[in-house]
Amino acid sequence: VTAEYIEQQLTALADEVTVSDVFVMKLRHVQHLARRIRARPKHGGRCASATPIELLRTLNPTPAVCGESRPVATEFIRTQEVFDRGFYGGAPGFFSWT
């Protein structure tokens, strides 16, 4: 769902969008299912002149962060949470070194 959402958002801004097959990204303590997504901005289009922050605002929050449908899920989160997520997925959980 998240890769499809990102592809859809980028298609409005780019001439060419490619999405790789799913692969396992192995990190030190965890593994993630991932895809590589690449886009070539439309010449003279909104993406070609967009700043990185504008692109982040276009893509975020993704369904992985706030759910789907984005407008309904975003409004629900805003009314139920007491903090502003900004570009982040939410407040961190409990941390302990013991």
PDB file of N, CA and C in Angstrom:
ATOM      1  N   VAL A   1       0.829  -1.193   0.000  1.00  0.00           N
ATOM      2  CA  VAL A   1       0.000   0.000   0.000  1.00  0.00           C
ATOM      3  C   VAL A   1       0.871   1.253   0.000  1.00  0.00           C
ATOM      4  N   THR A   2       1.918   1.283   0.834  1.00  0.00           N
ATOM      5  CA  THR A   2       2.757   2.473   0.923  1.00  0.00           C
ATOM      6  C   THR A   2       3.517   2.721  -0.377  1.00  0.00           C
ATOM      7  N   ALA A   3       4.075   1.681  -0.976  1.00  0.00           N
ATOM      8  CA  ALA A   3       4.802   1.852  -2.238  1.00  0.00           C
ATOM      9  C   ALA A   3       3.863   2.334  -3.336  1.00  0.00           C
ATOM     10  N   GLU A   4       2.654   1.801  -3.380  1.00  0.00           N
ATOM     11  CA  GLU A   4       1.670   2.241  -4.377  1.00  0.00           C
ATOM     12  C   GLU A   4       1.309   3.705  -4.162  1.00  0.00           C
ATOM     13  N   TYR A   5       1.141   4.111  -2.908  1.00  0.00           N
ATOM     14  CA  TYR A   5       0.826   5.502  -2.589  1.00  0.00           C
ATOM     15  C   TYR A   5       1.951   6.426  -3.059  1.00  0.00           C
ATOM     16  N   ILE A   6       3.212   6.083  -2.743  1.00  0.00           N
ATOM     17  CA  ILE A   6       4.350   6.914  -3.139  1.00  0.00           C
ATOM     18  C   ILE A   6       4.448   6.982  -4.653  1.00  0.00           C
ATOM     19  N   GLU A   7       4.268   5.850  -5.320  1.00  0.00           N
ATOM     20  CA  GLU A   7       4.308   5.832  -6.786  1.00  0.00           C
ATOM     21  C   GLU A   7       3.235   6.747  -7.367  1.00  0.00           C
ATOM     22  N   GLN A   8       2.034   6.696  -6.815  1.00  0.00           N
ATOM     23  CA  GLN A   8       0.930   7.539  -7.286  1.00  0.00           C
ATOM     24  C   GLN A   8       1.253   9.026  -7.094  1.00  0.00           C
ATOM     25  N   GLN A   9       1.786   9.392  -5.934  1.00  0.00           N
ATOM     26  CA  GLN A   9       2.128  10.796  -5.667  1.00  0.00           C
ATOM     27  C   GLN A   9       3.227  11.272  -6.613  1.00  0.00           C
ATOM     28  N   LEU A  10       4.241  10.451  -6.831  1.00  0.00           N
ATOM     29  CA  LEU A  10       5.358  10.845  -7.695  1.00  0.00           C
ATOM     30  C   LEU A  10       4.960  10.896  -9.164  1.00  0.00           C
ATOM     31  N   THR A  11       4.003  10.070  -9.575  1.00  0.00           N
ATOM     32  CA  THR A  11       3.562  10.065 -10.967  1.00  0.00           C
ATOM     33  C   THR A  11       3.013  11.428 -11.374  1.00  0.00           C
ATOM     34  N   ALA A  12       2.405  12.136 -10.437  1.00  0.00           N
ATOM     35  CA  ALA A  12       1.899  13.479 -10.725  1.00  0.00           C
ATOM     36  C   ALA A  12       3.040  14.481 -10.913  1.00  0.00           C
ATOM     37  N   LEU A  13       4.223  14.158 -10.402  1.00  0.00           N
ATOM     38  CA  LEU A  13       5.352  15.086 -10.443  1.00  0.00           C
ATOM     39  C   LEU A  13       6.453  14.661 -11.401  1.00  0.00           C
ATOM     40  N   ALA A  14       6.409  13.433 -11.886  1.00  0.00           N
ATOM     41  CA  ALA A  14       7.551  12.886 -12.621  1.00  0.00           C
ATOM     42  C   ALA A  14       7.125  12.243 -13.934  1.00  0.00           C
ATOM     43  N   ASP A  15       8.059  12.236 -14.902  1.00  0.00           N
ATOM     44  CA  ASP A  15       7.814  11.555 -16.176  1.00  0.00           C
ATOM     45  C   ASP A  15       8.005  10.053 -16.051  1.00  0.00           C
ATOM     46  N   GLU A  16       8.917   9.663 -15.190  1.00  0.00           N
ATOM     47  CA  GLU A  16       9.263   8.247 -15.067  1.00  0.00           C
ATOM     48  C   GLU A  16       9.378   7.878 -13.591  1.00  0.00           C
ATOM     49  N   VAL A  17       8.605   6.893 -13.165  1.00  0.00           N
ATOM     50  CA  VAL A  17       8.673   6.386 -11.796  1.00  0.00           C
ATOM     51  C   VAL A  17       8.876   4.882 -11.879  1.00  0.00           C
ATOM     52  N   THR A  18       9.888   4.378 -11.189  1.00  0.00           N
ATOM     53  CA  THR A  18      10.115   2.931 -11.157  1.00  0.00           C
ATOM     54  C   THR A  18      10.122   2.455  -9.714  1.00  0.00           C
ATOM     55  N   VAL A  19       9.533   1.293  -9.515  1.00  0.00           N
ATOM     56  CA  VAL A  19       9.451   0.682  -8.190  1.00  0.00           C
ATOM     57  C   VAL A  19      10.032  -0.724  -8.298  1.00  0.00           C
ATOM     58  N   SER A  20      11.030  -1.019  -7.465  1.00  0.00           N
ATOM     59  CA  SER A  20      11.666  -2.337  -7.513  1.00  0.00           C
ATOM     60  C   SER A  20      10.766  -3.393  -6.886  1.00  0.00           C
ATOM     61  N   ASP A  21      11.152  -4.637  -7.085  1.00  0.00           N
ATOM     62  CA  ASP A  21      10.508  -5.725  -6.366  1.00  0.00           C
ATOM     63  C   ASP A  21      10.861  -5.610  -4.888  1.00  0.00           C
ATOM     64  N   VAL A  22      10.097  -6.278  -4.075  1.00  0.00           N
ATOM     65  CA  VAL A  22      10.362  -6.288  -2.629  1.00  0.00           C
ATOM     66  C   VAL A  22      11.667  -7.042  -2.368  1.00  0.00           C
ATOM     67  N   PHE A  23      12.480  -6.497  -1.451  1.00  0.00           N
ATOM     68  CA  PHE A  23      13.696  -7.187  -1.025  1.00  0.00           C
ATOM     69  C   PHE A  23      13.833  -7.023   0.488  1.00  0.00           C
ATOM     70  N   VAL A  24      14.676  -7.830   1.086  1.00  0.00           N
ATOM     71  CA  VAL A  24      14.905  -7.760   2.526  1.00  0.00           C
ATOM     72  C   VAL A  24      16.131  -6.884   2.785  1.00  0.00           C
ATOM     73  N   MET A  25      15.938  -5.813   3.546  1.00  0.00           N
ATOM     74  CA  MET A  25      17.041  -4.955   3.956  1.00  0.00           C
ATOM     75  C   MET A  25      17.465  -5.420   5.347  1.00  0.00           C
ATOM     76  N   LYS A  26      18.643  -6.018   5.429  1.00  0.00           N
ATOM     77  CA  LYS A  26      19.125  -6.550   6.700  1.00  0.00           C
ATOM     78  C   LYS A  26      19.981  -5.500   7.403  1.00  0.00           C
ATOM     79  N   LEU A  27      19.578  -5.154   8.598  1.00  0.00           N
ATOM     80  CA  LEU A  27      20.335  -4.243   9.449  1.00  0.00           C
ATOM     81  C   LEU A  27      20.916  -5.043  10.604  1.00  0.00           C
ATOM     82  N   ARG A  28      21.595  -4.403  11.492  1.00  0.00           N
ATOM     83  CA  ARG A  28      22.279  -5.126  12.566  1.00  0.00           C
ATOM     84  C   ARG A  28      21.334  -5.953  13.441  1.00  0.00           C
ATOM     85  N   HIS A  29      20.205  -5.355  13.837  1.00  0.00           N
ATOM     86  CA  HIS A  29      19.311  -6.043  14.770  1.00  0.00           C
ATOM     87  C   HIS A  29      17.913  -6.312  14.214  1.00  0.00           C
ATOM     88  N   VAL A  30      17.620  -5.777  13.051  1.00  0.00           N
ATOM     89  CA  VAL A  30      16.288  -5.973  12.471  1.00  0.00           C
ATOM     90  C   VAL A  30      16.408  -6.165  10.968  1.00  0.00           C
ATOM     91  N   GLN A  31      15.314  -6.606  10.388  1.00  0.00           N
ATOM     92  CA  GLN A  31      15.218  -6.712   8.938  1.00  0.00           C
ATOM     93  C   GLN A  31      13.929  -6.011   8.516  1.00  0.00           C
ATOM     94  N   HIS A  32      13.971  -5.372   7.352  1.00  0.00           N
ATOM     95  CA  HIS A  32      12.801  -4.674   6.825  1.00  0.00           C
ATOM     96  C   HIS A  32      12.515  -5.183   5.421  1.00  0.00           C
ATOM     97  N   LEU A  33      11.246  -5.268   5.075  1.00  0.00           N
ATOM     98  CA  LEU A  33      10.879  -5.455   3.678  1.00  0.00           C
ATOM     99  C   LEU A  33      10.942  -4.075   3.043  1.00  0.00           C
ATOM    100  N   ALA A  34      11.563  -3.970   1.880  1.00  0.00           N
ATOM    101  CA  ALA A  34      11.775  -2.660   1.273  1.00  0.00           C
ATOM    102  C   ALA A  34      11.610  -2.721  -0.236  1.00  0.00           C
ATOM    103  N   ARG A  35      11.502  -1.561  -0.844  1.00  0.00           N
ATOM    104  CA  ARG A  35      11.493  -1.387  -2.299  1.00  0.00           C
ATOM    105  C   ARG A  35      12.290  -0.129  -2.607  1.00  0.00           C
ATOM    106  N   ARG A  36      12.976  -0.118  -3.726  1.00  0.00           N
ATOM    107  CA  ARG A  36      13.630   1.102  -4.197  1.00  0.00           C
ATOM    108  C   ARG A  36      12.655   1.822  -5.129  1.00  0.00           C
ATOM    109  N   ILE A  37      12.454   3.100  -4.880  1.00  0.00           N
ATOM    110  CA  ILE A  37      11.554   3.897  -5.712  1.00  0.00           C
ATOM    111  C   ILE A  37      12.365   5.052  -6.282  1.00  0.00           C
ATOM    112  N   ARG A  38      12.338   5.174  -7.604  1.00  0.00           N
ATOM    113  CA  ARG A  38      13.083   6.253  -8.275  1.00  0.00           C
ATOM    114  C   ARG A  38      12.128   7.015  -9.179  1.00  0.00           C
ATOM    115  N   ALA A  39      12.409   8.318  -9.306  1.00  0.00           N
ATOM    116  CA  ALA A  39      11.569   9.161 -10.162  1.00  0.00           C
ATOM    117  C   ALA A  39      12.434  10.173 -10.892  1.00  0.00           C
ATOM    118  N   ARG A  40      12.077  10.447 -12.135  1.00  0.00           N
ATOM    119  CA  ARG A  40      12.738  11.477 -12.934  1.00  0.00           C
ATOM    120  C   ARG A  40      11.753  12.641 -13.048  1.00  0.00           C
ATOM    121  N   PRO A  41      12.121  13.817 -12.504  1.00  0.00           N
ATOM    122  CA  PRO A  41      11.192  14.960 -12.511  1.00  0.00           C
ATOM    123  C   PRO A  41      10.758  15.352 -13.924  1.00  0.00           C
ATOM    124  N   LYS A  42       9.502  15.800 -14.033  1.00  0.00           N
ATOM    125  CA  LYS A  42       9.026  16.326 -15.307  1.00  0.00           C
ATOM    126  C   LYS A  42       9.796  17.599 -15.617  1.00  0.00           C
ATOM    127  N   HIS A  43      10.237  17.740 -16.850  1.00  0.00           N
ATOM    128  CA  HIS A  43      10.966  18.941 -17.255  1.00  0.00           C
ATOM    129  C   HIS A  43      10.028  20.145 -17.159  1.00  0.00           C
ATOM    130  N   GLY A  44      10.426  21.111 -16.322  1.00  0.00           N
ATOM    131  CA  GLY A  44       9.609  22.310 -16.157  1.00  0.00           C
ATOM    132  C   GLY A  44       8.384  22.100 -15.292  1.00  0.00           C
ATOM    133  N   GLY A  45       8.226  20.912 -14.759  1.00  0.00           N
ATOM    134  CA  GLY A  45       7.064  20.628 -13.925  1.00  0.00           C
ATOM    135  C   GLY A  45       7.278  21.050 -12.485  1.00  0.00           C
ATOM    136  N   ARG A  46       6.270  20.805 -11.667  1.00  0.00           N
ATOM    137  CA  ARG A  46       6.305  21.200 -10.262  1.00  0.00           C
ATOM    138  C   ARG A  46       7.465  20.548  -9.520  1.00  0.00           C
ATOM    139  N   CYS A  47       7.769  19.292  -9.831  1.00  0.00           N
ATOM    140  CA  CYS A  47       8.831  18.564  -9.142  1.00  0.00           C
ATOM    141  C   CYS A  47      10.211  19.122  -9.482  1.00  0.00           C
ATOM    142  N   ALA A  48      10.407  19.560 -10.732  1.00  0.00           N
ATOM    143  CA  ALA A  48      11.714  20.062 -11.163  1.00  0.00           C
ATOM    144  C   ALA A  48      12.136  21.283 -10.356  1.00  0.00           C
ATOM    145  N   SER A  49      11.172  22.085  -9.921  1.00  0.00           N
ATOM    146  CA  SER A  49      11.493  23.295  -9.166  1.00  0.00           C
ATOM    147  C   SER A  49      11.205  23.141  -7.674  1.00  0.00           C
ATOM    148  N   ALA A  50      10.745  21.973  -7.271  1.00  0.00           N
ATOM    149  CA  ALA A  50      10.380  21.758  -5.873  1.00  0.00           C
ATOM    150  C   ALA A  50      11.621  21.608  -4.996  1.00  0.00           C
ATOM    151  N   THR A  51      11.524  22.108  -3.783  1.00  0.00           N
ATOM    152  CA  THR A  51      12.594  21.911  -2.812  1.00  0.00           C
ATOM    153  C   THR A  51      12.421  20.537  -2.176  1.00  0.00           C
ATOM    154  N   PRO A  52      13.467  19.997  -1.551  1.00  0.00           N
ATOM    155  CA  PRO A  52      13.310  18.716  -0.853  1.00  0.00           C
ATOM    156  C   PRO A  52      12.181  18.740   0.182  1.00  0.00           C
ATOM    157  N   ILE A  53      12.022  19.857   0.883  1.00  0.00           N
ATOM    158  CA  ILE A  53      10.941  19.956   1.881  1.00  0.00           C
ATOM    159  C   ILE A  53       9.576  19.881   1.210  1.00  0.00           C
ATOM    160  N   GLU A  54       9.412  20.521   0.065  1.00  0.00           N
ATOM    161  CA  GLU A  54       8.136  20.443  -0.652  1.00  0.00           C
ATOM    162  C   GLU A  54       7.830  19.013  -1.090  1.00  0.00           C
ATOM    163  N   LEU A  55       8.876  18.290  -1.519  1.00  0.00           N
ATOM    164  CA  LEU A  55       8.666  16.891  -1.894  1.00  0.00           C
ATOM    165  C   LEU A  55       8.286  16.048  -0.685  1.00  0.00           C
ATOM    166  N   LEU A  56       8.932  16.295   0.454  1.00  0.00           N
ATOM    167  CA  LEU A  56       8.568  15.576   1.679  1.00  0.00           C
ATOM    168  C   LEU A  56       7.123  15.847   2.059  1.00  0.00           C
ATOM    169  N   ARG A  57       6.693  17.089   1.936  1.00  0.00           N
ATOM    170  CA  ARG A  57       5.305  17.439   2.268  1.00  0.00           C
ATOM    171  C   ARG A  57       4.318  16.748   1.328  1.00  0.00           C
ATOM    172  N   THR A  58       4.718  16.558   0.079  1.00  0.00           N
ATOM    173  CA  THR A  58       3.857  15.867  -0.885  1.00  0.00           C
ATOM    174  C   THR A  58       3.712  14.393  -0.527  1.00  0.00           C
ATOM    175  N   LEU A  59       4.800  13.781  -0.079  1.00  0.00           N
ATOM    176  CA  LEU A  59       4.790  12.341   0.174  1.00  0.00           C
ATOM    177  C   LEU A  59       4.374  11.967   1.591  1.00  0.00           C
ATOM    178  N   ASN A  60       4.527  12.861   2.536  1.00  0.00           N
ATOM    179  CA  ASN A  60       4.273  12.526   3.946  1.00  0.00           C
ATOM    180  C   ASN A  60       3.012  13.170   4.467  1.00  0.00           C
ATOM    181  N   PRO A  61       2.305  12.528   5.357  1.00  0.00           N
ATOM    182  CA  PRO A  61       2.593  11.206   5.898  1.00  0.00           C
ATOM    183  C   PRO A  61       2.159  10.113   4.928  1.00  0.00           C
ATOM    184  N   THR A  62       2.932   9.055   4.878  1.00  0.00           N
ATOM    185  CA  THR A  62       2.582   7.910   4.032  1.00  0.00           C
ATOM    186  C   THR A  62       1.578   7.029   4.769  1.00  0.00           C
ATOM    187  N   PRO A  63       0.937   6.102   4.069  1.00  0.00           N
ATOM    188  CA  PRO A  63       0.021   5.180   4.744  1.00  0.00           C
ATOM    189  C   PRO A  63       0.695   4.363   5.846  1.00  0.00           C
ATOM    190  N   ALA A  64       2.012   4.140   5.745  1.00  0.00           N
ATOM    191  CA  ALA A  64       2.717   3.393   6.793  1.00  0.00           C
ATOM    192  C   ALA A  64       2.714   4.157   8.109  1.00  0.00           C
ATOM    193  N   VAL A  65       2.600   5.476   8.041  1.00  0.00           N
ATOM    194  CA  VAL A  65       2.619   6.313   9.247  1.00  0.00           C
ATOM    195  C   VAL A  65       1.213   6.612   9.741  1.00  0.00           C
ATOM    196  N   CYS A  66       0.316   6.979   8.833  1.00  0.00           N
ATOM    197  CA  CYS A  66      -0.996   7.437   9.314  1.00  0.00           C
ATOM    198  C   CYS A  66      -2.173   6.615   8.830  1.00  0.00           C
ATOM    199  N   GLY A  67      -1.951   5.646   7.992  1.00  0.00           N
ATOM    200  CA  GLY A  67      -3.068   4.817   7.542  1.00  0.00           C
ATOM    201  C   GLY A  67      -3.659   5.304   6.235  1.00  0.00           C
ATOM    202  N   GLU A  68      -4.739   4.674   5.844  1.00  0.00           N
ATOM    203  CA  GLU A  68      -5.394   4.958   4.580  1.00  0.00           C
ATOM    204  C   GLU A  68      -6.887   4.996   4.842  1.00  0.00           C
ATOM    205  N   SER A  69      -7.665   5.812   4.368  1.00  0.00           N
ATOM    206  CA  SER A  69      -7.439   6.924   3.479  1.00  0.00           C
ATOM    207  C   SER A  69      -6.732   8.054   4.234  1.00  0.00           C
ATOM    208  N   ARG A  70      -5.766   8.652   3.590  1.00  0.00           N
ATOM    209  CA  ARG A  70      -4.915   9.653   4.224  1.00  0.00           C
ATOM    210  C   ARG A  70      -5.706  10.798   4.866  1.00  0.00           C
ATOM    211  N   PRO A  71      -6.640  11.450   4.166  1.00  0.00           N
ATOM    212  CA  PRO A  71      -7.361  12.562   4.808  1.00  0.00           C
ATOM    213  C   PRO A  71      -8.146  12.129   6.049  1.00  0.00           C
ATOM    214  N   VAL A  72      -8.822  10.997   5.974  1.00  0.00           N
ATOM    215  CA  VAL A  72      -9.608  10.521   7.112  1.00  0.00           C
ATOM    216  C   VAL A  72      -8.693  10.114   8.262  1.00  0.00           C
ATOM    217  N   ALA A  73      -7.630   9.358   7.948  1.00  0.00           N
ATOM    218  CA  ALA A  73      -6.701   8.900   8.981  1.00  0.00           C
ATOM    219  C   ALA A  73      -5.970  10.072   9.626  1.00  0.00           C
ATOM    220  N   THR A  74      -5.530  11.041   8.816  1.00  0.00           N
ATOM    221  CA  THR A  74      -4.823  12.204   9.346  1.00  0.00           C
ATOM    222  C   THR A  74      -5.718  12.997  10.290  1.00  0.00           C
ATOM    223  N   GLU A  75      -6.956  13.204   9.902  1.00  0.00           N
ATOM    224  CA  GLU A  75      -7.886  13.952  10.774  1.00  0.00           C
ATOM    225  C   GLU A  75      -8.129  13.194  12.076  1.00  0.00           C
ATOM    226  N   PHE A  76      -8.296  11.883  12.003  1.00  0.00           N
ATOM    227  CA  PHE A  76      -8.490  11.087  13.213  1.00  0.00           C
ATOM    228  C   PHE A  76      -7.290  11.228  14.144  1.00  0.00           C
ATOM    229  N   ILE A  77      -6.082  11.110  13.595  1.00  0.00           N
ATOM    230  CA  ILE A  77      -4.863  11.229  14.407  1.00  0.00           C
ATOM    231  C   ILE A  77      -4.788  12.603  15.057  1.00  0.00           C
ATOM    232  N   ARG A  78      -5.086  13.650  14.295  1.00  0.00           N
ATOM    233  CA  ARG A  78      -5.024  15.021  14.839  1.00  0.00           C
ATOM    234  C   ARG A  78      -6.014  15.229  15.984  1.00  0.00           C
ATOM    235  N   THR A  79      -7.169  14.583  15.917  1.00  0.00           N
ATOM    236  CA  THR A  79      -8.159  14.777  16.985  1.00  0.00           C
ATOM    237  C   THR A  79      -7.901  13.886  18.191  1.00  0.00           C
ATOM    238  N   GLN A  80      -7.168  12.777  18.011  1.00  0.00           N
ATOM    239  CA  GLN A  80      -6.971  11.825  19.095  1.00  0.00           C
ATOM    240  C   GLN A  80      -5.633  11.957  19.823  1.00  0.00           C
ATOM    241  N   GLU A  81      -4.599  12.466  19.139  1.00  0.00           N
ATOM    242  CA  GLU A  81      -3.282  12.583  19.760  1.00  0.00           C
ATOM    243  C   GLU A  81      -3.080  13.987  20.313  1.00  0.00           C
ATOM    244  N   VAL A  82      -2.343  14.080  21.404  1.00  0.00           N
ATOM    245  CA  VAL A  82      -2.134  15.373  22.060  1.00  0.00           C
ATOM    246  C   VAL A  82      -0.845  16.061  21.612  1.00  0.00           C
ATOM    247  N   PHE A  83      -0.129  15.489  20.645  1.00  0.00           N
ATOM    248  CA  PHE A  83       1.122  16.077  20.161  1.00  0.00           C
ATOM    249  C   PHE A  83       1.076  16.124  18.636  1.00  0.00           C
ATOM    250  N   ASP A  84       1.910  16.980  18.040  1.00  0.00           N
ATOM    251  CA  ASP A  84       2.002  17.100  16.592  1.00  0.00           C
ATOM    252  C   ASP A  84       3.116  16.198  16.087  1.00  0.00           C
ATOM    253  N   ARG A  85       2.805  15.251  15.224  1.00  0.00           N
ATOM    254  CA  ARG A  85       3.807  14.327  14.713  1.00  0.00           C
ATOM    255  C   ARG A  85       4.829  15.004  13.806  1.00  0.00           C
ATOM    256  N   GLY A  86       4.455  16.083  13.123  1.00  0.00           N
ATOM    257  CA  GLY A  86       5.363  16.687  12.166  1.00  0.00           C
ATOM    258  C   GLY A  86       5.723  15.667  11.092  1.00  0.00           C
ATOM    259  N   PHE A  87       7.020  15.558  10.741  1.00  0.00           N
ATOM    260  CA  PHE A  87       7.459  14.590   9.737  1.00  0.00           C
ATOM    261  C   PHE A  87       7.734  13.231  10.343  1.00  0.00           C
ATOM    262  N   TYR A  88       7.507  13.058  11.634  1.00  0.00           N
ATOM    263  CA  TYR A  88       7.862  11.819  12.312  1.00  0.00           C
ATOM    264  C   TYR A  88       6.654  10.922  12.476  1.00  0.00           C
ATOM    265  N   GLY A  89       6.901   9.652  12.749  1.00  0.00           N
ATOM    266  CA  GLY A  89       5.841   8.672  12.859  1.00  0.00           C
ATOM    267  C   GLY A  89       5.108   8.686  14.175  1.00  0.00           C
ATOM    268  N   GLY A  90       5.606   9.404  15.131  1.00  0.00           N
ATOM    269  CA  GLY A  90       4.947   9.457  16.420  1.00  0.00           C
ATOM    270  C   GLY A  90       5.970   9.552  17.534  1.00  0.00           C
ATOM    271  N   ALA A  91       5.461   9.647  18.729  1.00  0.00           N
ATOM    272  CA  ALA A  91       6.349   9.735  19.880  1.00  0.00           C
ATOM    273  C   ALA A  91       7.045   8.392  20.118  1.00  0.00           C
ATOM    274  N   PRO A  92       8.296   8.406  20.561  1.00  0.00           N
ATOM    275  CA  PRO A  92       8.972   7.134  20.823  1.00  0.00           C
ATOM    276  C   PRO A  92       8.363   6.431  22.033  1.00  0.00           C
ATOM    277  N   GLY A  93       8.528   5.139  22.050  1.00  0.00           N
ATOM    278  CA  GLY A  93       8.043   4.365  23.181  1.00  0.00           C
ATOM    279  C   GLY A  93       9.010   4.428  24.350  1.00  0.00           C
ATOM    280  N   PHE A  94       8.875   3.516  25.261  1.00  0.00           N
ATOM    281  CA  PHE A  94       9.713   3.477  26.468  1.00  0.00           C
ATOM    282  C   PHE A  94      11.088   2.947  26.119  1.00  0.00           C
ATOM    283  N   PHE A  95      12.121   3.607  26.631  1.00  0.00           N
ATOM    284  CA  PHE A  95      13.504   3.162  26.442  1.00  0.00           C
ATOM    285  C   PHE A  95      14.113   2.825  27.774  1.00  0.00           C
ATOM    286  N   SER A  96      14.927   1.770  27.821  1.00  0.00           N
ATOM    287  CA  SER A  96      15.616   1.393  29.050  1.00  0.00           C
ATOM    288  C   SER A  96      16.927   0.694  28.695  1.00  0.00           C
ATOM    289  N   TRP A  97      17.982   0.975  29.465  1.00  0.00           N
ATOM    290  CA  TRP A  97      19.261   0.309  29.257  1.00  0.00           C
ATOM    291  C   TRP A  97      19.377  -0.946  30.112  1.00  0.00           C
ATOM    292  N   THR A  98      18.379  -1.231  30.934  1.00  0.00           N
ATOM    293  CA  THR A  98      18.455  -2.403  31.808  1.00  0.00           C
ATOM    294  C   THR A  98      17.602  -3.541  31.293  1.00  0.00           C
TER     295      THR A  98
END
